[in-house]
């Protein structure tokens, strides 16, 4: 039986590379988790906090909301394209070094965002800020996996899932409060003290892992092809509905993205030290975990995009009421994630991940039956089931994926894991909006002058179709998750 502080997937924490103040503490690994939680919370909070500031920014920066969407889109595109790159870089140069640098870049980017006086300077600084966020996000799971033994890993990753949920939950509330008391710039300036404290804690607490890049070369050609390919595809997916899927920019983005990613995979097969070793995908727990995670986020973000419109336009809820009702999802997820992670350490991931996805699918089936006159109590079981399912699924799934690879690959696998989550969000939004508008238009096509009642009926019909499709995606993910054979249960 392995000692809990010495296990195959961990970098050894010795007196030579551990800060003296922590090296003898039996809870040293929990100090590492606390530092990772700071970076995770900051990056997640900043992603959700910006949306509530867009209307205010519109007036002060003299920009249309359509242009301001680039403040959000540029951040997401940058993170998604750089996650595997910084994961691989950390494997070569050391995770502590890249993670610590992430705090500096993110904090400086936040400061410059707060100083912005025009839209496009803000967008460029958001890209700079996202570079730092990708350094943090790509390495958080790898640092935790390396610090915790297999029998505690699910619990630790589950707590990280709670931090992600709390960051999403707190973003709109904290943003609204800061903007009301001061200005929209405060949503960026608040990151400065958090980032400084996170950086100092990382330098003091995190163990120094030795660089392994002396005999390996960084895959620059693969990195460039991957970055350009992902940016092209995600740009097309993000703007396809607004610009038209048949428009020249969107078709160019789709074709260019596909060609660039094909070239990327061809490059990875022939270079000696590829950015992503394609042999990883022969590992069934790794492959099943990532595919089911991608489908899970596609399903979840189908409803995240559409439910606010249902609550505001059909039920006439206020913005505050919408926010309160939609917090049920991250709140339940925050409670369930650490419990599920702890349970996965005892019984393995398969039952929890599969059961969580089934509950998620049942939540969407329930939402496909709600009416245009539903009360809040009739609506809330859907988000509750979604939150319960997501909380059950994510922690054991992350633990299963991260435990399926050797220690030298933890950084790149952590980057891929985060990338899958971000791509799932983008695809979920694009899929749901496209399907919804297609079905709504088909429903109204025979009605030259639809009444308000007919428009409501068309909305509900289209919404129900999207929820049924999301349920189908979640159940497909559950079937894939059920087949993640090859998982070795951790010894107690």
Foldseek 3Di string as FASTA:
>chain_A
DDDWQDDQQADHFDPVFFFPVQSPDPCLLVLLLVLLLLLLLLLLLLLQQVVLALVVCCVQQVHDSVLLCLLNVLLLLLLLLCQLVLLLVCLFANLLVLLLVLLVQLLVLLLQLLVDRHRVSNSVSSSSNSSSSSSSQLCSLLQSSNRGGLLCSLLSLLLSLLSSLVSNLCNHVVSVVCCVVDRNSVSSNVSNVSSVVSSVSSVNRRGTDHGNNPPPDADPLLSVLSSLLSSLQLVLLQCCVVVPCPDPSNVCSNVSSVVSVVVSVVVLVPDPHHSDNPVLCVQLLQVLLLLLLLLLLLLVLLCVQCVVCLCCVLVVDDPVVSSVLLSLQSVLLSVLQSVLSNVCSPVNQLVQQLVLLLLLLVLLLQLLPDASHDDSVSNNVSSNSNSNSCSSRDSRSSSSNQVRDGNSSNSSSSSSSVSSNSNSNSNSNSVSVVQLVVQLCVQCVVPPDDDPVSSRVSNSNSSSVSSNVSSVSSNVSSVSSNPSPDGDRGDD
